[in-house]
């Protein structure tokens, strides 16, 4: 399993589960109890809209927080960085370029690999080409320029995609429940 898959999959899965739970709470429409009073229906719908907004916004915040916890305190960013930099070091050792170092860009941590050390023009271009093929690396350069999204933002985007997919699944389940509720045999 490559470093990229092991970093983004848990954030996506957490967002999916949180989205499914928030959606099942937020989309559940209260069933009518046989009353024909329209004033009560308006109050019930107003309370339902408020409950839906609260459930979906709490789920959104929880999905972002889960991705943040996965990135930092649970150590996924450190494991990702270690795997990518270890693979880069092994490639440099294979090509016998012991004076060149490859590190992921820090402050903020991103998937941009920064190369440093003595190399000629051919080695500059070839090392960039070789390291672009490493799993988890989005860009490679010999300068410490800002490139790409921070890894935390990418993890939160994965969690949000999972959250939206979980919301969609919860909505489909609720539609099925509403459709089946009309049949009273």
Protein backbone atom coordinates (compact mmCIF):
# COMPACT_ATOMS: atom_id res chain seq x y z
CA UNK A 1 0.00 0.00 0.00
CA UNK A 2 1.52 3.31 -1.02
CA UNK A 3 1.85 6.35 1.19
CA UNK A 4 -0.81 8.36 -0.59
CA UNK A 5 -3.49 5.69 -0.22
CA UNK A 6 -2.74 5.13 3.46
CA UNK A 7 -3.00 8.88 4.17
CA UNK A 8 -6.18 9.79 2.29
CA UNK A 9 -8.30 6.66 2.67
CA UNK A 10 -8.94 6.98 6.45
CA UNK A 11 -9.83 10.68 6.09
CA UNK A 12 -12.26 9.82 3.28
CA UNK A 13 -13.77 6.95 5.29
CA UNK A 14 -14.24 9.15 8.37
CA UNK A 15 -15.99 11.77 6.26
CA UNK A 16 -18.19 9.09 4.70
CA UNK A 17 -19.30 7.71 8.07
CA UNK A 18 -19.85 11.17 9.56
CA UNK A 19 -21.80 12.24 6.46
CA UNK A 20 -24.02 9.16 6.60
CA UNK A 21 -24.81 9.71 10.28
CA UNK A 22 -25.38 13.47 9.92
CA UNK A 23 -27.51 12.90 6.85
CA UNK A 24 -29.63 10.22 8.47
CA UNK A 25 -30.33 12.58 11.38
CA UNK A 26 -30.78 15.68 9.24
CA UNK A 27 -32.86 14.26 6.40
CA UNK A 28 -35.32 12.27 8.52
CA UNK A 29 -38.64 14.00 7.96
CA UNK A 30 -41.12 13.69 10.82
CA UNK A 31 -44.11 11.58 9.83
CA UNK A 32 -47.57 13.13 10.02
CA UNK A 33 -49.67 11.84 12.86
CA UNK A 34 -53.00 12.13 11.09
CA UNK A 35 -53.72 15.78 11.95
CA UNK A 36 -54.99 18.22 9.37
CA UNK A 37 -53.96 21.36 11.22
CA UNK A 38 -51.71 23.39 8.88
CA UNK A 39 -50.37 25.64 11.68
CA UNK A 40 -48.92 22.64 13.48
CA UNK A 41 -47.40 21.41 10.20
CA UNK A 42 -45.60 24.72 9.71
CA UNK A 43 -44.16 24.57 13.23
CA UNK A 44 -43.07 20.97 12.72
CA UNK A 45 -41.39 21.81 9.40
CA UNK A 46 -39.68 24.87 10.88
CA UNK A 47 -38.28 22.75 13.71
CA UNK A 48 -37.22 20.09 11.19
CA UNK A 49 -35.34 22.65 9.06
CA UNK A 50 -33.53 23.91 12.16
CA UNK A 51 -32.62 20.35 13.19
CA UNK A 52 -31.39 19.62 9.66
CA UNK A 53 -29.17 22.72 9.56
CA UNK A 54 -27.67 21.87 12.94
CA UNK A 55 -27.06 18.21 12.06
CA UNK A 56 -25.46 18.97 8.69
CA UNK A 57 -23.28 21.82 9.98
CA UNK A 58 -22.11 19.73 12.96
CA UNK A 59 -21.33 16.87 10.58
CA UNK A 60 -19.37 19.23 8.31
CA UNK A 61 -17.29 20.50 11.23
CA UNK A 62 -16.75 16.96 12.54
CA UNK A 63 -15.53 15.77 9.14
CA UNK A 64 -12.97 18.60 9.02
CA UNK A 65 -11.94 17.92 12.62
CA UNK A 66 -11.54 14.19 11.93
CA UNK A 67 -9.22 14.95 9.02
CA UNK A 68 -7.26 17.37 11.21
CA UNK A 69 -6.94 14.81 13.99
CA UNK A 70 -5.87 12.15 11.50
CA UNK A 71 -3.23 14.50 10.08
CA UNK A 72 -1.72 15.66 13.35
CA UNK A 73 -2.30 13.87 16.65
CA UNK A 74 -2.86 10.44 15.09
CA UNK A 75 0.43 10.81 13.19
CA UNK A 76 -0.62 10.20 9.58
CA UNK A 77 1.41 13.16 8.30
CA UNK A 78 4.57 11.90 10.02
CA UNK A 79 4.09 8.39 8.60
CA UNK A 80 3.43 9.83 5.13
CA UNK A 81 6.53 12.02 5.31
CA UNK A 82 8.68 9.14 6.54
CA UNK A 83 7.56 6.81 3.75
CA UNK A 84 8.06 9.33 0.95
CA UNK A 85 11.43 10.57 2.19
CA UNK A 86 12.64 7.00 2.81
CA UNK A 87 11.67 6.02 -0.76
CA UNK A 88 13.46 9.11 -2.10
CA UNK A 89 16.58 8.30 -0.06
CA UNK A 90 16.57 4.72 -1.38
CA UNK A 91 16.31 6.00 -4.95
CA UNK A 92 19.19 8.43 -4.38
CA UNK A 93 21.29 5.64 -2.88
CA UNK A 94 20.47 3.41 -5.87
CA UNK A 95 21.70 6.13 -8.24
CA UNK A 96 24.76 6.65 -5.99
CA UNK A 97 23.98 10.30 -5.33
CA UNK A 98 24.75 10.39 -1.64
CA UNK A 99 25.35 14.17 -1.49
CA UNK A 100 21.85 15.00 -2.75
CA UNK A 101 19.00 15.17 -0.22
CA UNK A 102 15.27 14.94 -0.88
CA UNK A 103 12.76 16.24 1.66
CA UNK A 104 9.11 17.15 1.51
CA UNK A 105 8.40 20.84 1.79
CA UNK A 106 7.59 21.93 5.33
CA UNK A 107 5.76 24.95 6.81
CA UNK A 108 3.14 23.90 5.75
CA UNK A 109 3.77 20.29 4.90
CA UNK A 110 2.92 19.56 1.27
CA UNK A 111 3.56 16.84 -1.28
CA UNK A 112 6.23 18.98 -2.99
CA UNK A 113 9.63 17.27 -2.90
CA UNK A 114 12.63 19.61 -2.59
CA UNK A 115 16.01 18.37 -3.83
CA UNK A 116 19.27 19.89 -2.58
CA UNK A 117 22.90 19.14 -3.28
CA UNK A 118 25.49 19.11 -6.05
CA UNK A 119 24.33 17.83 -9.44
CA UNK A 120 24.90 18.70 -13.09
CA UNK A 121 22.23 19.82 -15.55
CA UNK A 122 21.41 16.30 -16.74
CA UNK A 123 21.04 15.04 -13.16
CA UNK A 124 18.83 18.02 -12.31
CA UNK A 125 16.30 17.19 -15.01
CA UNK A 126 16.47 13.40 -14.62
CA UNK A 127 16.07 13.42 -10.85
CA UNK A 128 13.00 15.62 -11.19
CA UNK A 129 11.56 13.15 -13.73
CA UNK A 130 12.40 10.12 -11.57
CA UNK A 131 11.02 11.56 -8.34
CA UNK A 132 7.76 12.65 -9.96
CA UNK A 133 7.02 8.92 -10.25
CA UNK A 134 7.24 8.35 -6.50
CA UNK A 135 3.83 7.60 -4.95
CA UNK A 136 2.63 10.57 -2.94
CA UNK A 137 4.79 13.21 -4.63
CA UNK A 138 2.88 15.91 -6.53
CA UNK A 139 5.80 18.05 -7.70
CA UNK A 140 9.58 18.12 -7.51
CA UNK A 141 12.00 21.03 -7.77
CA UNK A 142 15.47 22.12 -6.75
CA UNK A 143 14.17 25.26 -5.10
CA UNK A 144 12.15 25.67 -1.92
CA UNK A 145 9.27 27.51 -3.60
CA UNK A 146 5.69 27.23 -2.41
CA UNK A 147 3.93 24.61 -4.50
CA UNK A 148 0.57 22.96 -4.19
CA UNK A 149 -1.94 22.65 -1.40
CA UNK A 150 -0.82 21.82 2.11
CA UNK A 151 -1.24 18.16 2.98
CA UNK A 152 -3.75 19.03 5.71
CA UNK A 153 -5.97 20.85 3.19
CA UNK A 154 -5.79 17.87 0.82
CA UNK A 155 -6.78 15.54 3.66
CA UNK A 156 -9.69 17.79 4.58
CA UNK A 157 -10.81 17.84 0.95
CA UNK A 158 -10.79 14.03 0.95
CA UNK A 159 -12.87 14.07 4.14
CA UNK A 160 -15.33 16.54 2.58
CA UNK A 161 -15.71 14.36 -0.52
CA UNK A 162 -16.44 11.42 1.78
CA UNK A 163 -18.85 13.59 3.79
CA UNK A 164 -20.78 14.59 0.67
CA UNK A 165 -20.92 10.99 -0.51
CA UNK A 166 -22.21 9.95 2.93
CA UNK A 167 -24.86 12.68 2.74
CA UNK A 168 -25.94 11.43 -0.66
CA UNK A 169 -26.24 7.86 0.63
CA UNK A 170 -28.24 9.00 3.66
CA UNK A 171 -30.54 11.04 1.41
CA UNK A 172 -31.16 8.01 -0.83
CA UNK A 173 -31.96 5.86 2.20
CA UNK A 174 -34.37 8.52 3.46
CA UNK A 175 -36.06 8.73 0.07
CA UNK A 176 -36.51 4.96 0.16
CA UNK A 177 -37.97 5.18 3.67
CA UNK A 178 -40.42 7.91 2.62
CA UNK A 179 -41.46 5.95 -0.45
CA UNK A 180 -42.08 2.82 1.60
CA UNK A 181 -43.97 4.80 4.28
CA UNK A 182 -46.82 5.50 1.88
CA UNK A 183 -47.71 1.83 1.75
CA UNK A 184 -49.76 0.83 4.76
CA UNK A 185 -50.91 -2.69 4.13
